[in-house]
Structures are given as C-alpha cells and as structure tokens.
Amino acid sequence: MFASLRMEEKSEVDALSVVCEFADVFPEEISDLPPEREVVFSIDVVPGTSPISMAPYRML
C-alpha cells in the first residue's frame, strides 16, 4: 500500500491516516516510509490468444 502513496513533502509516518486508523497493526516504532522506486509492471501476451469476452451477469 505504501508504494502507491505519493508525498510531495517529508512527513511523519504517524500522521498518515492509515497508520492512525489501524494503529494496532503497525509496530510501535516505524522509522520512515520506504524510499521511492519505480515498479515495473507488464502482462505477457501469448501469441494466438484473444481477450476473454464475457457477458455481464444479471440476476432477474
């Protein structure tokens, strides 16, 4: 989740709403947010395949 956060200025980890809301999940001392890094994401397409097309399910 932290990888998706974008912060322009340095802030305290304790000020994040997620940390405040779920304080029982996080350790008492969190040093800092992880450093920014680029995440490489790709979907490998196999030759000869086509997208899966499914009609939406509607309950009558």
PDB file of N, CA and C in Angstrom:
ATOM      1  N   MET A   1       0.817  -1.183   0.000  1.00  0.00           N
ATOM      2  CA  MET A   1       0.000   0.000   0.000  1.00  0.00           C
ATOM      3  C   MET A   1       0.866   1.252   0.000  1.00  0.00           C
ATOM      4  N   PHE A   2       1.956   1.225   0.732  1.00  0.00           N
ATOM      5  CA  PHE A   2       2.780   2.418   0.788  1.00  0.00           C
ATOM      6  C   PHE A   2       3.391   2.757  -0.564  1.00  0.00           C
ATOM      7  N   ALA A   3       3.569   1.760  -1.441  1.00  0.00           N
ATOM      8  CA  ALA A   3       4.149   2.023  -2.754  1.00  0.00           C
ATOM      9  C   ALA A   3       3.247   2.926  -3.589  1.00  0.00           C
ATOM     10  N   SER A   4       1.968   2.941  -3.290  1.00  0.00           N
ATOM     11  CA  SER A   4       1.047   3.754  -4.074  1.00  0.00           C
ATOM     12  C   SER A   4       0.888   5.174  -3.526  1.00  0.00           C
ATOM     13  N   LEU A   5       1.449   5.459  -2.379  1.00  0.00           N
ATOM     14  CA  LEU A   5       1.337   6.798  -1.811  1.00  0.00           C
ATOM     15  C   LEU A   5       2.320   7.737  -2.487  1.00  0.00           C
ATOM     16  N   ARG A   6       1.888   8.933  -2.748  1.00  0.00           N
ATOM     17  CA  ARG A   6       2.769   9.929  -3.354  1.00  0.00           C
ATOM     18  C   ARG A   6       2.764  11.144  -2.448  1.00  0.00           C
ATOM     19  N   MET A   7       3.919  11.490  -1.909  1.00  0.00           N
ATOM     20  CA  MET A   7       4.015  12.612  -0.992  1.00  0.00           C
ATOM     21  C   MET A   7       5.002  13.625  -1.543  1.00  0.00           C
ATOM     22  N   GLU A   8       4.609  14.869  -1.550  1.00  0.00           N
ATOM     23  CA  GLU A   8       5.465  15.926  -2.072  1.00  0.00           C
ATOM     24  C   GLU A   8       6.469  16.406  -1.031  1.00  0.00           C
ATOM     25  N   GLU A   9       6.085  16.394   0.204  1.00  0.00           N
ATOM     26  CA  GLU A   9       6.990  16.862   1.243  1.00  0.00           C
ATOM     27  C   GLU A   9       7.185  15.769   2.276  1.00  0.00           C
ATOM     28  N   LYS A  10       8.262  15.871   3.017  1.00  0.00           N
ATOM     29  CA  LYS A  10       8.569  14.881   4.047  1.00  0.00           C
ATOM     30  C   LYS A  10       7.539  15.002   5.161  1.00  0.00           C
ATOM     31  N   SER A  11       6.987  13.884   5.577  1.00  0.00           N
ATOM     32  CA  SER A  11       6.006  13.924   6.660  1.00  0.00           C
ATOM     33  C   SER A  11       6.263  12.774   7.615  1.00  0.00           C
ATOM     34  N   GLU A  12       5.668  12.867   8.752  1.00  0.00           N
ATOM     35  CA  GLU A  12       5.804  11.831   9.757  1.00  0.00           C
ATOM     36  C   GLU A  12       4.902  10.654   9.407  1.00  0.00           C
ATOM     37  N   VAL A  13       5.393   9.451   9.650  1.00  0.00           N
ATOM     38  CA  VAL A  13       4.612   8.252   9.363  1.00  0.00           C
ATOM     39  C   VAL A  13       3.378   8.206  10.256  1.00  0.00           C
ATOM     40  N   ASP A  14       3.499   8.693  11.479  1.00  0.00           N
ATOM     41  CA  ASP A  14       2.372   8.679  12.417  1.00  0.00           C
ATOM     42  C   ASP A  14       1.223   9.573  11.959  1.00  0.00           C
ATOM     43  N   ALA A  15       1.476  10.498  11.041  1.00  0.00           N
ATOM     44  CA  ALA A  15       0.434  11.409  10.571  1.00  0.00           C
ATOM     45  C   ALA A  15      -0.413  10.796   9.461  1.00  0.00           C
ATOM     46  N   LEU A  16      -0.018   9.652   8.921  1.00  0.00           N
ATOM     47  CA  LEU A  16      -0.796   9.009   7.861  1.00  0.00           C
ATOM     48  C   LEU A  16      -2.093   8.459   8.427  1.00  0.00           C
ATOM     49  N   SER A  17      -3.183   8.678   7.716  1.00  0.00           N
ATOM     50  CA  SER A  17      -4.493   8.255   8.218  1.00  0.00           C
ATOM     51  C   SER A  17      -4.582   6.741   8.382  1.00  0.00           C
ATOM     52  N   VAL A  18      -3.925   5.990   7.509  1.00  0.00           N
ATOM     53  CA  VAL A  18      -3.964   4.525   7.613  1.00  0.00           C
ATOM     54  C   VAL A  18      -3.288   4.066   8.894  1.00  0.00           C
ATOM     55  N   VAL A  19      -2.160   4.677   9.227  1.00  0.00           N
ATOM     56  CA  VAL A  19      -1.436   4.310  10.444  1.00  0.00           C
ATOM     57  C   VAL A  19      -2.260   4.671  11.669  1.00  0.00           C
ATOM     58  N   CYS A  20      -2.901   5.818  11.648  1.00  0.00           N
ATOM     59  CA  CYS A  20      -3.722   6.238  12.791  1.00  0.00           C
ATOM     60  C   CYS A  20      -4.949   5.347  12.956  1.00  0.00           C
ATOM     61  N   GLU A  21      -5.572   4.989  11.846  1.00  0.00           N
ATOM     62  CA  GLU A  21      -6.803   4.207  11.903  1.00  0.00           C
ATOM     63  C   GLU A  21      -6.552   2.757  12.322  1.00  0.00           C
ATOM     64  N   PHE A  22      -5.438   2.203  11.901  1.00  0.00           N
ATOM     65  CA  PHE A  22      -5.119   0.806  12.205  1.00  0.00           C
ATOM     66  C   PHE A  22      -3.840   0.724  13.036  1.00  0.00           C
ATOM     67  N   ALA A  23      -3.787   1.458  14.109  1.00  0.00           N
ATOM     68  CA  ALA A  23      -2.586   1.528  14.944  1.00  0.00           C
ATOM     69  C   ALA A  23      -2.200   0.181  15.539  1.00  0.00           C
ATOM     70  N   ASP A  24      -3.170  -0.701  15.776  1.00  0.00           N
ATOM     71  CA  ASP A  24      -2.863  -1.997  16.378  1.00  0.00           C
ATOM     72  C   ASP A  24      -2.121  -2.924  15.415  1.00  0.00           C
ATOM     73  N   VAL A  25      -2.113  -2.622  14.121  1.00  0.00           N
ATOM     74  CA  VAL A  25      -1.450  -3.469  13.127  1.00  0.00           C
ATOM     75  C   VAL A  25       0.015  -3.077  12.957  1.00  0.00           C
ATOM     76  N   PHE A  26       0.330  -1.800  13.120  1.00  0.00           N
ATOM     77  CA  PHE A  26       1.679  -1.311  12.887  1.00  0.00           C
ATOM     78  C   PHE A  26       2.517  -1.422  14.153  1.00  0.00           C
ATOM     79  N   PRO A  27       3.833  -1.644  13.996  1.00  0.00           N
ATOM     80  CA  PRO A  27       4.702  -1.685  15.177  1.00  0.00           C
ATOM     81  C   PRO A  27       4.770  -0.316  15.850  1.00  0.00           C
ATOM     82  N   GLU A  28       5.210  -0.320  17.106  1.00  0.00           N
ATOM     83  CA  GLU A  28       5.274   0.927  17.874  1.00  0.00           C
ATOM     84  C   GLU A  28       6.179   1.960  17.202  1.00  0.00           C
ATOM     85  N   GLU A  29       7.337   1.512  16.717  1.00  0.00           N
ATOM     86  CA  GLU A  29       8.278   2.443  16.101  1.00  0.00           C
ATOM     87  C   GLU A  29       8.441   2.118  14.628  1.00  0.00           C
ATOM     88  N   ILE A  30       8.038   3.040  13.789  1.00  0.00           N
ATOM     89  CA  ILE A  30       8.252   2.925  12.351  1.00  0.00           C
ATOM     90  C   ILE A  30       9.246   4.014  11.995  1.00  0.00           C
ATOM     91  N   SER A  31      10.395   3.616  11.459  1.00  0.00           N
ATOM     92  CA  SER A  31      11.448   4.597  11.209  1.00  0.00           C
ATOM     93  C   SER A  31      11.058   5.600  10.126  1.00  0.00           C
ATOM     94  N   ASP A  32      10.558   5.105   8.988  1.00  0.00           N
ATOM     95  CA  ASP A  32      10.238   6.010   7.892  1.00  0.00           C
ATOM     96  C   ASP A  32       9.546   5.223   6.793  1.00  0.00           C
ATOM     97  N   LEU A  33       9.023   5.925   5.812  1.00  0.00           N
ATOM     98  CA  LEU A  33       8.443   5.272   4.643  1.00  0.00           C
ATOM     99  C   LEU A  33       9.565   4.697   3.791  1.00  0.00           C
ATOM    100  N   PRO A  34       9.297   3.636   3.044  1.00  0.00           N
ATOM    101  CA  PRO A  34      10.336   3.098   2.165  1.00  0.00           C
ATOM    102  C   PRO A  34      10.686   4.119   1.077  1.00  0.00           C
ATOM    103  N   PRO A  35      11.910   4.055   0.554  1.00  0.00           N
ATOM    104  CA  PRO A  35      12.293   5.018  -0.480  1.00  0.00           C
ATOM    105  C   PRO A  35      11.485   4.828  -1.755  1.00  0.00           C
ATOM    106  N   GLU A  36      11.349   5.917  -2.527  1.00  0.00           N
ATOM    107  CA  GLU A  36      10.619   5.828  -3.795  1.00  0.00           C
ATOM    108  C   GLU A  36      11.382   4.934  -4.752  1.00  0.00           C
ATOM    109  N   ARG A  37      10.649   4.128  -5.500  1.00  0.00           N
ATOM    110  CA  ARG A  37      11.284   3.292  -6.509  1.00  0.00           C
ATOM    111  C   ARG A  37      10.298   3.063  -7.638  1.00  0.00           C
ATOM    112  N   GLU A  38      10.829   2.796  -8.795  1.00  0.00           N
ATOM    113  CA  GLU A  38       9.991   2.540  -9.955  1.00  0.00           C
ATOM    114  C   GLU A  38       9.563   1.080  -9.942  1.00  0.00           C
ATOM    115  N   VAL A  39       8.290   0.846 -10.167  1.00  0.00           N
ATOM    116  CA  VAL A  39       7.760  -0.510 -10.201  1.00  0.00           C
ATOM    117  C   VAL A  39       7.503  -0.870 -11.658  1.00  0.00           C
ATOM    118  N   VAL A  40       8.126  -1.955 -12.086  1.00  0.00           N
ATOM    119  CA  VAL A  40       7.956  -2.400 -13.467  1.00  0.00           C
ATOM    120  C   VAL A  40       6.792  -3.380 -13.510  1.00  0.00           C
ATOM    121  N   PHE A  41       5.803  -3.107 -14.356  1.00  0.00           N
ATOM    122  CA  PHE A  41       4.633  -3.962 -14.464  1.00  0.00           C
ATOM    123  C   PHE A  41       4.391  -4.263 -15.925  1.00  0.00           C
ATOM    124  N   SER A  42       4.209  -5.532 -16.230  1.00  0.00           N
ATOM    125  CA  SER A  42       3.899  -5.905 -17.609  1.00  0.00           C
ATOM    126  C   SER A  42       3.041  -7.157 -17.613  1.00  0.00           C
ATOM    127  N   ILE A  43       2.289  -7.316 -18.678  1.00  0.00           N
ATOM    128  CA  ILE A  43       1.478  -8.516 -18.879  1.00  0.00           C
ATOM    129  C   ILE A  43       2.007  -9.190 -20.136  1.00  0.00           C
ATOM    130  N   ASP A  44       2.446 -10.426 -19.986  1.00  0.00           N
ATOM    131  CA  ASP A  44       2.955 -11.169 -21.132  1.00  0.00           C
ATOM    132  C   ASP A  44       1.789 -11.776 -21.893  1.00  0.00           C
ATOM    133  N   VAL A  45       1.712 -11.467 -23.186  1.00  0.00           N
ATOM    134  CA  VAL A  45       0.649 -11.987 -24.038  1.00  0.00           C
ATOM    135  C   VAL A  45       1.219 -13.136 -24.861  1.00  0.00           C
ATOM    136  N   VAL A  46       0.508 -14.250 -24.865  1.00  0.00           N
ATOM    137  CA  VAL A  46       0.928 -15.421 -25.626  1.00  0.00           C
ATOM    138  C   VAL A  46       0.387 -15.285 -27.047  1.00  0.00           C
ATOM    139  N   PRO A  47       1.231 -15.481 -28.062  1.00  0.00           N
ATOM    140  CA  PRO A  47       0.754 -15.367 -29.446  1.00  0.00           C
ATOM    141  C   PRO A  47      -0.388 -16.344 -29.731  1.00  0.00           C
ATOM    142  N   GLY A  48      -1.383 -15.875 -30.457  1.00  0.00           N
ATOM    143  CA  GLY A  48      -2.515 -16.725 -30.825  1.00  0.00           C
ATOM    144  C   GLY A  48      -3.668 -16.689 -29.843  1.00  0.00           C
ATOM    145  N   THR A  49      -3.547 -15.940 -28.765  1.00  0.00           N
ATOM    146  CA  THR A  49      -4.645 -15.849 -27.801  1.00  0.00           C
ATOM    147  C   THR A  49      -5.452 -14.588 -28.078  1.00  0.00           C
ATOM    148  N   SER A  50      -6.665 -14.555 -27.561  1.00  0.00           N
ATOM    149  CA  SER A  50      -7.511 -13.377 -27.712  1.00  0.00           C
ATOM    150  C   SER A  50      -8.078 -13.002 -26.350  1.00  0.00           C
ATOM    151  N   PRO A  51      -8.496 -11.766 -26.181  1.00  0.00           N
ATOM    152  CA  PRO A  51      -9.066 -11.350 -24.896  1.00  0.00           C
ATOM    153  C   PRO A  51     -10.315 -12.164 -24.547  1.00  0.00           C
ATOM    154  N   ILE A  52     -10.514 -12.388 -23.277  1.00  0.00           N
ATOM    155  CA  ILE A  52     -11.691 -13.116 -22.809  1.00  0.00           C
ATOM    156  C   ILE A  52     -12.865 -12.150 -22.794  1.00  0.00           C
ATOM    157  N   SER A  53     -13.923 -12.520 -23.472  1.00  0.00           N
ATOM    158  CA  SER A  53     -15.109 -11.679 -23.522  1.00  0.00           C
ATOM    159  C   SER A  53     -16.252 -12.427 -22.854  1.00  0.00           C
ATOM    160  N   MET A  54     -16.759 -11.873 -21.760  1.00  0.00           N
ATOM    161  CA  MET A  54     -17.865 -12.498 -21.030  1.00  0.00           C
ATOM    162  C   MET A  54     -18.988 -11.483 -20.896  1.00  0.00           C
ATOM    163  N   ALA A  55     -20.197 -11.924 -21.140  1.00  0.00           N
ATOM    164  CA  ALA A  55     -21.356 -11.057 -20.956  1.00  0.00           C
ATOM    165  C   ALA A  55     -21.551 -10.807 -19.464  1.00  0.00           C
ATOM    166  N   PRO A  56     -21.932  -9.603 -19.071  1.00  0.00           N
ATOM    167  CA  PRO A  56     -22.163  -9.334 -17.654  1.00  0.00           C
ATOM    168  C   PRO A  56     -23.315 -10.180 -17.113  1.00  0.00           C
ATOM    169  N   TYR A  57     -23.147 -10.642 -15.882  1.00  0.00           N
ATOM    170  CA  TYR A  57     -24.170 -11.467 -15.252  1.00  0.00           C
ATOM    171  C   TYR A  57     -25.246 -10.558 -14.675  1.00  0.00           C
ATOM    172  N   ARG A  58     -26.483 -10.835 -15.010  1.00  0.00           N
ATOM    173  CA  ARG A  58     -27.596 -10.055 -14.463  1.00  0.00           C
ATOM    174  C   ARG A  58     -28.593 -11.000 -13.822  1.00  0.00           C
ATOM    175  N   MET A  59     -28.940 -10.704 -12.611  1.00  0.00           N
ATOM    176  CA  MET A  59     -29.911 -11.519 -11.895  1.00  0.00           C
ATOM    177  C   MET A  59     -31.303 -10.970 -12.191  1.00  0.00           C
ATOM    178  N   LEU A  60     -32.181 -11.824 -12.639  1.00  0.00           N
ATOM    179  CA  LEU A  60     -33.532 -11.375 -12.989  1.00  0.00           C
ATOM    180  C   LEU A  60     -34.488 -11.516 -11.844  1.00  0.00           C
TER     181      LEU A  60
END
